[in-house]
Amino acid sequence: MEEEAVRLTEEIAAPRLDDMDVRLSPDQEAFVRQAIESGRFREPEDAVREALSLWEERERKRIEILAALGEAEESVARGEVIEITAESMRSLADRVKKAGRERLESERNLKR
């Protein structure tokens, strides 16, 4: 099965990064070394995997923010805007408080 997976990978000419060589700055090397010495990681590769995982998470969030920004810009272009004033904020706060009170009361009634 493993040989089949390797063959399929080679057939579709997927880039292989098995032997990737990454150079860290002296400060980065010291940081990784300290993390290993403190027991945070066992191997330098573990630190790199953690760093890449955090990078991936940050990139996903960035993409979500950009998508939301795009949707907001499209909404503004369509004229779907709400003017924010002190009064509109008070009104929103009142509606949120009312909804919260209603939900709390509903939950209390369910427990009875």
PDB file of N, CA and C in Angstrom:
ATOM      1  N   MET A   1       0.822  -1.190   0.000  1.00  0.00           N
ATOM      2  CA  MET A   1       0.000   0.000   0.000  1.00  0.00           C
ATOM      3  C   MET A   1       0.876   1.268   0.000  1.00  0.00           C
ATOM      4  N   GLU A   2       1.922   1.272   0.813  1.00  0.00           N
ATOM      5  CA  GLU A   2       2.800   2.432   0.884  1.00  0.00           C
ATOM      6  C   GLU A   2       3.499   2.668  -0.448  1.00  0.00           C
ATOM      7  N   GLU A   3       3.934   1.589  -1.094  1.00  0.00           N
ATOM      8  CA  GLU A   3       4.590   1.717  -2.400  1.00  0.00           C
ATOM      9  C   GLU A   3       3.627   2.300  -3.417  1.00  0.00           C
ATOM     10  N   GLU A   4       2.352   1.913  -3.327  1.00  0.00           N
ATOM     11  CA  GLU A   4       1.340   2.425  -4.253  1.00  0.00           C
ATOM     12  C   GLU A   4       1.179   3.927  -4.063  1.00  0.00           C
ATOM     13  N   ALA A   5       1.156   4.369  -2.823  1.00  0.00           N
ATOM     14  CA  ALA A   5       1.015   5.798  -2.551  1.00  0.00           C
ATOM     15  C   ALA A   5       2.204   6.570  -3.095  1.00  0.00           C
ATOM     16  N   VAL A   6       3.408   6.030  -2.932  1.00  0.00           N
ATOM     17  CA  VAL A   6       4.605   6.687  -3.452  1.00  0.00           C
ATOM     18  C   VAL A   6       4.535   6.751  -4.972  1.00  0.00           C
ATOM     19  N   ARG A   7       4.133   5.651  -5.602  1.00  0.00           N
ATOM     20  CA  ARG A   7       4.046   5.612  -7.059  1.00  0.00           C
ATOM     21  C   ARG A   7       3.023   6.630  -7.558  1.00  0.00           C
ATOM     22  N   LEU A   8       1.869   6.705  -6.878  1.00  0.00           N
ATOM     23  CA  LEU A   8       0.854   7.671  -7.298  1.00  0.00           C
ATOM     24  C   LEU A   8       1.375   9.093  -7.164  1.00  0.00           C
ATOM     25  N   THR A   9       2.107   9.348  -6.098  1.00  0.00           N
ATOM     26  CA  THR A   9       2.683  10.676  -5.901  1.00  0.00           C
ATOM     27  C   THR A   9       3.649  11.002  -7.032  1.00  0.00           C
ATOM     28  N   GLU A  10       4.462  10.050  -7.394  1.00  0.00           N
ATOM     29  CA  GLU A  10       5.423  10.275  -8.463  1.00  0.00           C
ATOM     30  C   GLU A  10       4.717  10.447  -9.797  1.00  0.00           C
ATOM     31  N   GLU A  11       3.621   9.703 -10.024  1.00  0.00           N
ATOM     32  CA  GLU A  11       2.909   9.784 -11.300  1.00  0.00           C
ATOM     33  C   GLU A  11       2.280  11.148 -11.525  1.00  0.00           C
ATOM     34  N   ILE A  12       1.808  11.791 -10.443  1.00  0.00           N
ATOM     35  CA  ILE A  12       1.185  13.107 -10.628  1.00  0.00           C
ATOM     36  C   ILE A  12       2.208  14.227 -10.468  1.00  0.00           C
ATOM     37  N   ALA A  13       3.465  13.853 -10.336  1.00  0.00           N
ATOM     38  CA  ALA A  13       4.572  14.809 -10.256  1.00  0.00           C
ATOM     39  C   ALA A  13       4.389  15.824  -9.128  1.00  0.00           C
ATOM     40  N   ALA A  14       3.910  15.350  -7.997  1.00  0.00           N
ATOM     41  CA  ALA A  14       3.767  16.228  -6.835  1.00  0.00           C
ATOM     42  C   ALA A  14       5.150  16.604  -6.320  1.00  0.00           C
ATOM     43  N   PRO A  15       5.329  17.852  -5.938  1.00  0.00           N
ATOM     44  CA  PRO A  15       6.635  18.241  -5.409  1.00  0.00           C
ATOM     45  C   PRO A  15       6.899  17.509  -4.095  1.00  0.00           C
ATOM     46  N   ARG A  16       8.118  17.072  -3.929  1.00  0.00           N
ATOM     47  CA  ARG A  16       8.491  16.357  -2.711  1.00  0.00           C
ATOM     48  C   ARG A  16       9.393  17.254  -1.881  1.00  0.00           C
ATOM     49  N   LEU A  17       9.084  17.323  -0.616  1.00  0.00           N
ATOM     50  CA  LEU A  17       9.855  18.173   0.275  1.00  0.00           C
ATOM     51  C   LEU A  17      10.557  17.371   1.363  1.00  0.00           C
ATOM     52  N   ASP A  18      10.702  16.063   1.121  1.00  0.00           N
ATOM     53  CA  ASP A  18      11.279  15.191   2.142  1.00  0.00           C
ATOM     54  C   ASP A  18      12.649  15.652   2.608  1.00  0.00           C
ATOM     55  N   ASP A  19      13.442  16.172   1.721  1.00  0.00           N
ATOM     56  CA  ASP A  19      14.808  16.544   2.064  1.00  0.00           C
ATOM     57  C   ASP A  19      14.994  18.055   2.107  1.00  0.00           C
ATOM     58  N   MET A  20      13.965  18.768   2.479  1.00  0.00           N
ATOM     59  CA  MET A  20      14.055  20.223   2.519  1.00  0.00           C
ATOM     60  C   MET A  20      15.073  20.645   3.576  1.00  0.00           C
ATOM     61  N   ASP A  21      15.909  21.579   3.202  1.00  0.00           N
ATOM     62  CA  ASP A  21      16.932  22.096   4.098  1.00  0.00           C
ATOM     63  C   ASP A  21      16.574  23.532   4.421  1.00  0.00           C
ATOM     64  N   VAL A  22      16.315  23.813   5.683  1.00  0.00           N
ATOM     65  CA  VAL A  22      15.907  25.146   6.104  1.00  0.00           C
ATOM     66  C   VAL A  22      16.999  25.727   6.995  1.00  0.00           C
ATOM     67  N   ARG A  23      17.407  26.925   6.703  1.00  0.00           N
ATOM     68  CA  ARG A  23      18.428  27.604   7.491  1.00  0.00           C
ATOM     69  C   ARG A  23      17.741  28.585   8.439  1.00  0.00           C
ATOM     70  N   LEU A  24      18.061  28.463   9.715  1.00  0.00           N
ATOM     71  CA  LEU A  24      17.520  29.383  10.714  1.00  0.00           C
ATOM     72  C   LEU A  24      18.570  30.416  11.074  1.00  0.00           C
ATOM     73  N   SER A  25      18.104  31.564  11.495  1.00  0.00           N
ATOM     74  CA  SER A  25      19.041  32.573  11.984  1.00  0.00           C
ATOM     75  C   SER A  25      19.598  32.080  13.325  1.00  0.00           C
ATOM     76  N   PRO A  26      20.716  32.641  13.753  1.00  0.00           N
ATOM     77  CA  PRO A  26      21.263  32.235  15.058  1.00  0.00           C
ATOM     78  C   PRO A  26      20.250  32.417  16.199  1.00  0.00           C
ATOM     79  N   ASP A  27      19.482  33.493  16.168  1.00  0.00           N
ATOM     80  CA  ASP A  27      18.466  33.713  17.198  1.00  0.00           C
ATOM     81  C   ASP A  27      17.380  32.639  17.138  1.00  0.00           C
ATOM     82  N   GLN A  28      16.962  32.274  15.931  1.00  0.00           N
ATOM     83  CA  GLN A  28      15.951  31.231  15.785  1.00  0.00           C
ATOM     84  C   GLN A  28      16.479  29.888  16.277  1.00  0.00           C
ATOM     85  N   GLU A  29      17.739  29.589  15.942  1.00  0.00           N
ATOM     86  CA  GLU A  29      18.348  28.340  16.411  1.00  0.00           C
ATOM     87  C   GLU A  29      18.387  28.304  17.936  1.00  0.00           C
ATOM     88  N   ALA A  30      18.761  29.409  18.545  1.00  0.00           N
ATOM     89  CA  ALA A  30      18.819  29.478  20.012  1.00  0.00           C
ATOM     90  C   ALA A  30      17.420  29.296  20.604  1.00  0.00           C
ATOM     91  N   PHE A  31      16.444  29.864  19.961  1.00  0.00           N
ATOM     92  CA  PHE A  31      15.057  29.754  20.424  1.00  0.00           C
ATOM     93  C   PHE A  31      14.599  28.299  20.382  1.00  0.00           C
ATOM     94  N   VAL A  32      14.884  27.619  19.281  1.00  0.00           N
ATOM     95  CA  VAL A  32      14.516  26.206  19.141  1.00  0.00           C
ATOM     96  C   VAL A  32      15.286  25.371  20.156  1.00  0.00           C
ATOM     97  N   ARG A  33      16.565  25.630  20.283  1.00  0.00           N
ATOM     98  CA  ARG A  33      17.390  24.879  21.234  1.00  0.00           C
ATOM     99  C   ARG A  33      16.845  25.030  22.653  1.00  0.00           C
ATOM    100  N   GLN A  34      16.472  26.247  23.033  1.00  0.00           N
ATOM    101  CA  GLN A  34      15.929  26.493  24.377  1.00  0.00           C
ATOM    102  C   GLN A  34      14.612  25.748  24.567  1.00  0.00           C
ATOM    103  N   ALA A  35      13.788  25.705  23.534  1.00  0.00           N
ATOM    104  CA  ALA A  35      12.510  24.987  23.625  1.00  0.00           C
ATOM    105  C   ALA A  35      12.736  23.493  23.801  1.00  0.00           C
ATOM    106  N   ILE A  36      13.745  22.965  23.170  1.00  0.00           N
ATOM    107  CA  ILE A  36      14.066  21.537  23.309  1.00  0.00           C
ATOM    108  C   ILE A  36      14.635  21.271  24.708  1.00  0.00           C
ATOM    109  N   GLU A  37      15.546  22.120  25.139  1.00  0.00           N
ATOM    110  CA  GLU A  37      16.155  21.943  26.461  1.00  0.00           C
ATOM    111  C   GLU A  37      15.132  22.061  27.581  1.00  0.00           C
ATOM    112  N   SER A  38      14.109  22.883  27.383  1.00  0.00           N
ATOM    113  CA  SER A  38      13.075  23.048  28.414  1.00  0.00           C
ATOM    114  C   SER A  38      12.046  21.925  28.376  1.00  0.00           C
ATOM    115  N   GLY A  39      12.132  21.073  27.355  1.00  0.00           N
ATOM    116  CA  GLY A  39      11.188  19.968  27.246  1.00  0.00           C
ATOM    117  C   GLY A  39       9.950  20.291  26.439  1.00  0.00           C
ATOM    118  N   ARG A  40       9.880  21.486  25.900  1.00  0.00           N
ATOM    119  CA  ARG A  40       8.715  21.878  25.089  1.00  0.00           C
ATOM    120  C   ARG A  40       8.622  21.028  23.829  1.00  0.00           C
ATOM    121  N   PHE A  41       9.772  20.748  23.228  1.00  0.00           N
ATOM    122  CA  PHE A  41       9.849  19.912  22.032  1.00  0.00           C
ATOM    123  C   PHE A  41      10.946  18.885  22.215  1.00  0.00           C
ATOM    124  N   ARG A  42      10.817  17.776  21.481  1.00  0.00           N
ATOM    125  CA  ARG A  42      11.851  16.731  21.539  1.00  0.00           C
ATOM    126  C   ARG A  42      12.893  16.921  20.451  1.00  0.00           C
ATOM    127  N   GLU A  43      12.443  17.363  19.276  1.00  0.00           N
ATOM    128  CA  GLU A  43      13.321  17.486  18.108  1.00  0.00           C
ATOM    129  C   GLU A  43      13.084  18.839  17.444  1.00  0.00           C
ATOM    130  N   PRO A  44      14.082  19.345  16.724  1.00  0.00           N
ATOM    131  CA  PRO A  44      13.876  20.600  15.985  1.00  0.00           C
ATOM    132  C   PRO A  44      12.690  20.510  15.018  1.00  0.00           C
ATOM    133  N   GLU A  45      12.474  19.335  14.426  1.00  0.00           N
ATOM    134  CA  GLU A  45      11.361  19.170  13.487  1.00  0.00           C
ATOM    135  C   GLU A  45      10.016  19.416  14.163  1.00  0.00           C
ATOM    136  N   ASP A  46       9.933  19.068  15.463  1.00  0.00           N
ATOM    137  CA  ASP A  46       8.686  19.313  16.200  1.00  0.00           C
ATOM    138  C   ASP A  46       8.408  20.811  16.299  1.00  0.00           C
ATOM    139  N   ALA A  47       9.456  21.585  16.522  1.00  0.00           N
ATOM    140  CA  ALA A  47       9.306  23.040  16.604  1.00  0.00           C
ATOM    141  C   ALA A  47       8.880  23.609  15.254  1.00  0.00           C
ATOM    142  N   VAL A  48       9.461  23.090  14.193  1.00  0.00           N
ATOM    143  CA  VAL A  48       9.111  23.558  12.846  1.00  0.00           C
ATOM    144  C   VAL A  48       7.662  23.211  12.536  1.00  0.00           C
ATOM    145  N   ARG A  49       7.228  21.982  12.897  1.00  0.00           N
ATOM    146  CA  ARG A  49       5.831  21.605  12.657  1.00  0.00           C
ATOM    147  C   ARG A  49       4.876  22.536  13.407  1.00  0.00           C
ATOM    148  N   GLU A  50       5.221  22.848  14.654  1.00  0.00           N
ATOM    149  CA  GLU A  50       4.390  23.761  15.454  1.00  0.00           C
ATOM    150  C   GLU A  50       4.329  25.142  14.803  1.00  0.00           C
ATOM    151  N   ALA A  51       5.478  25.620  14.350  1.00  0.00           N
ATOM    152  CA  ALA A  51       5.521  26.934  13.698  1.00  0.00           C
ATOM    153  C   ALA A  51       4.664  26.938  12.437  1.00  0.00           C
ATOM    154  N   LEU A  52       4.757  25.877  11.645  1.00  0.00           N
ATOM    155  CA  LEU A  52       3.959  25.798  10.419  1.00  0.00           C
ATOM    156  C   LEU A  52       2.472  25.695  10.728  1.00  0.00           C
ATOM    157  N   SER A  53       2.137  24.979  11.780  1.00  0.00           N
ATOM    158  CA  SER A  53       0.740  24.863  12.181  1.00  0.00           C
ATOM    159  C   SER A  53       0.171  26.227  12.563  1.00  0.00           C
ATOM    160  N   LEU A  54       0.935  26.987  13.327  1.00  0.00           N
ATOM    161  CA  LEU A  54       0.496  28.334  13.708  1.00  0.00           C
ATOM    162  C   LEU A  54       0.391  29.245  12.495  1.00  0.00           C
ATOM    163  N   TRP A  55       1.319  29.110  11.565  1.00  0.00           N
ATOM    164  CA  TRP A  55       1.289  29.895  10.339  1.00  0.00           C
ATOM    165  C   TRP A  55       0.035  29.562   9.539  1.00  0.00           C
ATOM    166  N   GLU A  56      -0.258  28.266   9.406  1.00  0.00           N
ATOM    167  CA  GLU A  56      -1.462  27.854   8.685  1.00  0.00           C
ATOM    168  C   GLU A  56      -2.719  28.443   9.326  1.00  0.00           C
ATOM    169  N   GLU A  57      -2.783  28.390  10.655  1.00  0.00           N
ATOM    170  CA  GLU A  57      -3.945  28.941  11.365  1.00  0.00           C
ATOM    171  C   GLU A  57      -4.070  30.431  11.105  1.00  0.00           C
ATOM    172  N   ARG A  58      -2.949  31.136  11.168  1.00  0.00           N
ATOM    173  CA  ARG A  58      -2.960  32.578  10.922  1.00  0.00           C
ATOM    174  C   ARG A  58      -3.411  32.891   9.496  1.00  0.00           C
ATOM    175  N   GLU A  59      -2.941  32.086   8.539  1.00  0.00           N
ATOM    176  CA  GLU A  59      -3.331  32.303   7.146  1.00  0.00           C
ATOM    177  C   GLU A  59      -4.820  32.042   6.933  1.00  0.00           C
ATOM    178  N   ARG A  60      -5.363  31.003   7.583  1.00  0.00           N
ATOM    179  CA  ARG A  60      -6.806  30.741   7.485  1.00  0.00           C
ATOM    180  C   ARG A  60      -7.602  31.924   8.014  1.00  0.00           C
ATOM    181  N   LYS A  61      -7.176  32.452   9.160  1.00  0.00           N
ATOM    182  CA  LYS A  61      -7.858  33.612   9.744  1.00  0.00           C
ATOM    183  C   LYS A  61      -7.749  34.824   8.819  1.00  0.00           C
ATOM    184  N   ARG A  62      -6.575  35.007   8.222  1.00  0.00           N
ATOM    185  CA  ARG A  62      -6.372  36.139   7.308  1.00  0.00           C
ATOM    186  C   ARG A  62      -7.315  36.038   6.120  1.00  0.00           C
ATOM    187  N   ILE A  63      -7.449  34.826   5.576  1.00  0.00           N
ATOM    188  CA  ILE A  63      -8.338  34.605   4.435  1.00  0.00           C
ATOM    189  C   ILE A  63      -9.787  34.870   4.835  1.00  0.00           C
ATOM    190  N   GLU A  64     -10.170  34.430   6.044  1.00  0.00           N
ATOM    191  CA  GLU A  64     -11.530  34.691   6.521  1.00  0.00           C
ATOM    192  C   GLU A  64     -11.791  36.180   6.664  1.00  0.00           C
ATOM    193  N   ILE A  65     -10.815  36.905   7.191  1.00  0.00           N
ATOM    194  CA  ILE A  65     -10.957  38.356   7.352  1.00  0.00           C
ATOM    195  C   ILE A  65     -11.078  39.037   5.995  1.00  0.00           C
ATOM    196  N   LEU A  66     -10.245  38.618   5.044  1.00  0.00           N
ATOM    197  CA  LEU A  66     -10.320  39.211   3.708  1.00  0.00           C
ATOM    198  C   LEU A  66     -11.661  38.918   3.042  1.00  0.00           C
ATOM    199  N   ALA A  67     -12.188  37.716   3.241  1.00  0.00           N
ATOM    200  CA  ALA A  67     -13.492  37.369   2.675  1.00  0.00           C
ATOM    201  C   ALA A  67     -14.583  38.216   3.315  1.00  0.00           C
ATOM    202  N   ALA A  68     -14.525  38.377   4.629  1.00  0.00           N
ATOM    203  CA  ALA A  68     -15.518  39.194   5.324  1.00  0.00           C
ATOM    204  C   ALA A  68     -15.428  40.652   4.878  1.00  0.00           C
ATOM    205  N   LEU A  69     -14.212  41.124   4.683  1.00  0.00           N
ATOM    206  CA  LEU A  69     -14.020  42.494   4.204  1.00  0.00           C
ATOM    207  C   LEU A  69     -14.616  42.662   2.810  1.00  0.00           C
ATOM    208  N   GLY A  70     -14.375  41.668   1.962  1.00  0.00           N
ATOM    209  CA  GLY A  70     -14.953  41.710   0.615  1.00  0.00           C
ATOM    210  C   GLY A  70     -16.470  41.740   0.657  1.00  0.00           C
ATOM    211  N   GLU A  71     -17.063  40.917   1.509  1.00  0.00           N
ATOM    212  CA  GLU A  71     -18.523  40.909   1.654  1.00  0.00           C
ATOM    213  C   GLU A  71     -19.019  42.252   2.161  1.00  0.00           C
ATOM    214  N   ALA A  72     -18.296  42.835   3.114  1.00  0.00           N
ATOM    215  CA  ALA A  72     -18.694  44.136   3.657  1.00  0.00           C
ATOM    216  C   ALA A  72     -18.618  45.219   2.582  1.00  0.00           C
ATOM    217  N   GLU A  73     -17.559  45.194   1.792  1.00  0.00           N
ATOM    218  CA  GLU A  73     -17.419  46.188   0.723  1.00  0.00           C
ATOM    219  C   GLU A  73     -18.537  46.042  -0.302  1.00  0.00           C
ATOM    220  N   GLU A  74     -18.898  44.805  -0.635  1.00  0.00           N
ATOM    221  CA  GLU A  74     -19.999  44.571  -1.566  1.00  0.00           C
ATOM    222  C   GLU A  74     -21.319  45.063  -0.976  1.00  0.00           C
ATOM    223  N   SER A  75     -21.519  44.849   0.301  1.00  0.00           N
ATOM    224  CA  SER A  75     -22.735  45.302   0.973  1.00  0.00           C
ATOM    225  C   SER A  75     -22.832  46.835   0.946  1.00  0.00           C
ATOM    226  N   VAL A  76     -21.720  47.491   1.199  1.00  0.00           N
ATOM    227  CA  VAL A  76     -21.697  48.957   1.153  1.00  0.00           C
ATOM    228  C   VAL A  76     -21.989  49.431  -0.262  1.00  0.00           C
ATOM    229  N   ALA A  77     -21.397  48.766  -1.258  1.00  0.00           N
ATOM    230  CA  ALA A  77     -21.624  49.148  -2.650  1.00  0.00           C
ATOM    231  C   ALA A  77     -23.098  49.012  -3.033  1.00  0.00           C
ATOM    232  N   ARG A  78     -23.789  48.044  -2.420  1.00  0.00           N
ATOM    233  CA  ARG A  78     -25.223  47.866  -2.689  1.00  0.00           C
ATOM    234  C   ARG A  78     -26.083  48.818  -1.877  1.00  0.00           C
ATOM    235  N   GLY A  79     -25.451  49.603  -1.002  1.00  0.00           N
ATOM    236  CA  GLY A  79     -26.197  50.554  -0.191  1.00  0.00           C
ATOM    237  C   GLY A  79     -26.784  49.943   1.074  1.00  0.00           C
ATOM    238  N   GLU A  80     -26.335  48.768   1.423  1.00  0.00           N
ATOM    239  CA  GLU A  80     -26.843  48.091   2.619  1.00  0.00           C
ATOM    240  C   GLU A  80     -26.004  48.501   3.827  1.00  0.00           C
ATOM    241  N   VAL A  81     -26.178  49.722   4.261  1.00  0.00           N
ATOM    242  CA  VAL A  81     -25.388  50.231   5.371  1.00  0.00           C
ATOM    243  C   VAL A  81     -26.299  50.675   6.506  1.00  0.00           C
ATOM    244  N   ILE A  82     -25.762  50.657   7.681  1.00  0.00           N
ATOM    245  CA  ILE A  82     -26.484  51.128   8.860  1.00  0.00           C
ATOM    246  C   ILE A  82     -25.661  52.261   9.447  1.00  0.00           C
ATOM    247  N   GLU A  83     -26.302  53.379   9.614  1.00  0.00           N
ATOM    248  CA  GLU A  83     -25.608  54.509  10.211  1.00  0.00           C
ATOM    249  C   GLU A  83     -25.485  54.263  11.711  1.00  0.00           C
ATOM    250  N   ILE A  84     -24.284  54.402  12.227  1.00  0.00           N
ATOM    251  CA  ILE A  84     -24.048  54.169  13.645  1.00  0.00           C
ATOM    252  C   ILE A  84     -24.012  55.508  14.356  1.00  0.00           C
ATOM    253  N   THR A  85     -24.939  55.629  15.288  1.00  0.00           N
ATOM    254  CA  THR A  85     -25.022  56.835  16.113  1.00  0.00           C
ATOM    255  C   THR A  85     -25.124  56.390  17.567  1.00  0.00           C
ATOM    256  N   ALA A  86     -25.050  57.341  18.463  1.00  0.00           N
ATOM    257  CA  ALA A  86     -25.205  57.020  19.885  1.00  0.00           C
ATOM    258  C   ALA A  86     -26.580  56.385  20.120  1.00  0.00           C
ATOM    259  N   GLU A  87     -27.590  56.916  19.455  1.00  0.00           N
ATOM    260  CA  GLU A  87     -28.947  56.381  19.622  1.00  0.00           C
ATOM    261  C   GLU A  87     -29.065  54.964  19.068  1.00  0.00           C
ATOM    262  N   SER A  88     -28.484  54.720  17.892  1.00  0.00           N
ATOM    263  CA  SER A  88     -28.583  53.371  17.323  1.00  0.00           C
ATOM    264  C   SER A  88     -27.830  52.363  18.194  1.00  0.00           C
ATOM    265  N   MET A  89     -26.740  52.777  18.823  1.00  0.00           N
ATOM    266  CA  MET A  89     -26.004  51.889  19.716  1.00  0.00           C
ATOM    267  C   MET A  89     -26.811  51.590  20.977  1.00  0.00           C
ATOM    268  N   ARG A  90     -27.491  52.617  21.524  1.00  0.00           N
ATOM    269  CA  ARG A  90     -28.356  52.387  22.691  1.00  0.00           C
ATOM    270  C   ARG A  90     -29.487  51.437  22.338  1.00  0.00           C
ATOM    271  N   SER A  91     -30.059  51.622  21.166  1.00  0.00           N
ATOM    272  CA  SER A  91     -31.138  50.751  20.715  1.00  0.00           C
ATOM    273  C   SER A  91     -30.659  49.310  20.556  1.00  0.00           C
ATOM    274  N   LEU A  92     -29.493  49.135  19.966  1.00  0.00           N
ATOM    275  CA  LEU A  92     -28.924  47.801  19.811  1.00  0.00           C
ATOM    276  C   LEU A  92     -28.674  47.160  21.180  1.00  0.00           C
ATOM    277  N   ALA A  93     -28.114  47.934  22.093  1.00  0.00           N
ATOM    278  CA  ALA A  93     -27.854  47.410  23.440  1.00  0.00           C
ATOM    279  C   ALA A  93     -29.153  46.989  24.111  1.00  0.00           C
ATOM    280  N   ASP A  94     -30.195  47.803  23.949  1.00  0.00           N
ATOM    281  CA  ASP A  94     -31.495  47.455  24.531  1.00  0.00           C
ATOM    282  C   ASP A  94     -32.038  46.157  23.939  1.00  0.00           C
ATOM    283  N   ARG A  95     -31.911  45.983  22.628  1.00  0.00           N
ATOM    284  CA  ARG A  95     -32.402  44.754  21.988  1.00  0.00           C
ATOM    285  C   ARG A  95     -31.611  43.531  22.451  1.00  0.00           C
ATOM    286  N   VAL A  96     -30.306  43.692  22.602  1.00  0.00           N
ATOM    287  CA  VAL A  96     -29.472  42.575  23.062  1.00  0.00           C
ATOM    288  C   VAL A  96     -29.835  42.212  24.498  1.00  0.00           C
ATOM    289  N   LYS A  97     -30.007  43.211  25.357  1.00  0.00           N
ATOM    290  CA  LYS A  97     -30.390  42.950  26.741  1.00  0.00           C
ATOM    291  C   LYS A  97     -31.744  42.242  26.803  1.00  0.00           C
ATOM    292  N   LYS A  98     -32.696  42.730  26.014  1.00  0.00           N
ATOM    293  CA  LYS A  98     -34.027  42.122  26.005  1.00  0.00           C
ATOM    294  C   LYS A  98     -33.946  40.665  25.556  1.00  0.00           C
ATOM    295  N   ALA A  99     -33.201  40.394  24.486  1.00  0.00           N
ATOM    296  CA  ALA A  99     -33.057  39.022  23.988  1.00  0.00           C
ATOM    297  C   ALA A  99     -32.384  38.145  25.039  1.00  0.00           C
ATOM    298  N   GLY A 100     -31.409  38.677  25.738  1.00  0.00           N
ATOM    299  CA  GLY A 100     -30.731  37.928  26.788  1.00  0.00           C
ATOM    300  C   GLY A 100     -31.654  37.604  27.946  1.00  0.00           C
ATOM    301  N   ARG A 101     -32.454  38.585  28.341  1.00  0.00           N
ATOM    302  CA  ARG A 101     -33.423  38.349  29.425  1.00  0.00           C
ATOM    303  C   ARG A 101     -34.452  37.296  29.021  1.00  0.00           C
ATOM    304  N   GLU A 102     -34.933  37.375  27.772  1.00  0.00           N
ATOM    305  CA  GLU A 102     -35.912  36.399  27.293  1.00  0.00           C
ATOM    306  C   GLU A 102     -35.310  34.997  27.252  1.00  0.00           C
ATOM    307  N   ARG A 103     -34.078  34.896  26.819  1.00  0.00           N
ATOM    308  CA  ARG A 103     -33.423  33.584  26.775  1.00  0.00           C
ATOM    309  C   ARG A 103     -33.223  33.021  28.174  1.00  0.00           C
ATOM    310  N   LEU A 104     -32.789  33.872  29.103  1.00  0.00           N
ATOM    311  CA  LEU A 104     -32.595  33.444  30.486  1.00  0.00           C
ATOM    312  C   LEU A 104     -33.911  32.969  31.089  1.00  0.00           C
ATOM    313  N   GLU A 105     -34.970  33.713  30.859  1.00  0.00           N
ATOM    314  CA  GLU A 105     -36.293  33.331  31.371  1.00  0.00           C
ATOM    315  C   GLU A 105     -36.739  32.006  30.755  1.00  0.00           C
ATOM    316  N   SER A 106     -36.505  31.828  29.470  1.00  0.00           N
ATOM    317  CA  SER A 106     -36.867  30.583  28.806  1.00  0.00           C
ATOM    318  C   SER A 106     -36.107  29.403  29.395  1.00  0.00           C
ATOM    319  N   GLU A 107     -34.824  29.593  29.647  1.00  0.00           N
ATOM    320  CA  GLU A 107     -34.012  28.521  30.232  1.00  0.00           C
ATOM    321  C   GLU A 107     -34.466  28.195  31.643  1.00  0.00           C
ATOM    322  N   ARG A 108     -34.841  29.220  32.396  1.00  0.00           N
ATOM    323  CA  ARG A 108     -35.359  28.982  33.743  1.00  0.00           C
ATOM    324  C   ARG A 108     -36.655  28.201  33.708  1.00  0.00           C
ATOM    325  N   ASN A 109     -37.523  28.528  32.757  1.00  0.00           N
ATOM    326  CA  ASN A 109     -38.807  27.819  32.634  1.00  0.00           C
ATOM    327  C   ASN A 109     -38.601  26.367  32.257  1.00  0.00           C
ATOM    328  N   LEU A 110     -37.595  26.066  31.444  1.00  0.00           N
ATOM    329  CA  LEU A 110     -37.314  24.686  31.058  1.00  0.00           C
ATOM    330  C   LEU A 110     -36.845  23.860  32.240  1.00  0.00           C
ATOM    331  N   LYS A 111     -36.154  24.475  33.200  1.00  0.00           N
ATOM    332  CA  LYS A 111     -35.631  23.763  34.354  1.00  0.00           C
ATOM    333  C   LYS A 111     -36.722  23.461  35.394  1.00  0.00           C
ATOM    334  N   ARG A 112     -37.833  24.155  35.312  1.00  0.00           N
ATOM    335  CA  ARG A 112     -38.905  23.968  36.304  1.00  0.00           C
ATOM    336  C   ARG A 112     -39.685  22.758  36.044  1.00  0.00           C
TER     337      ARG A 112
END
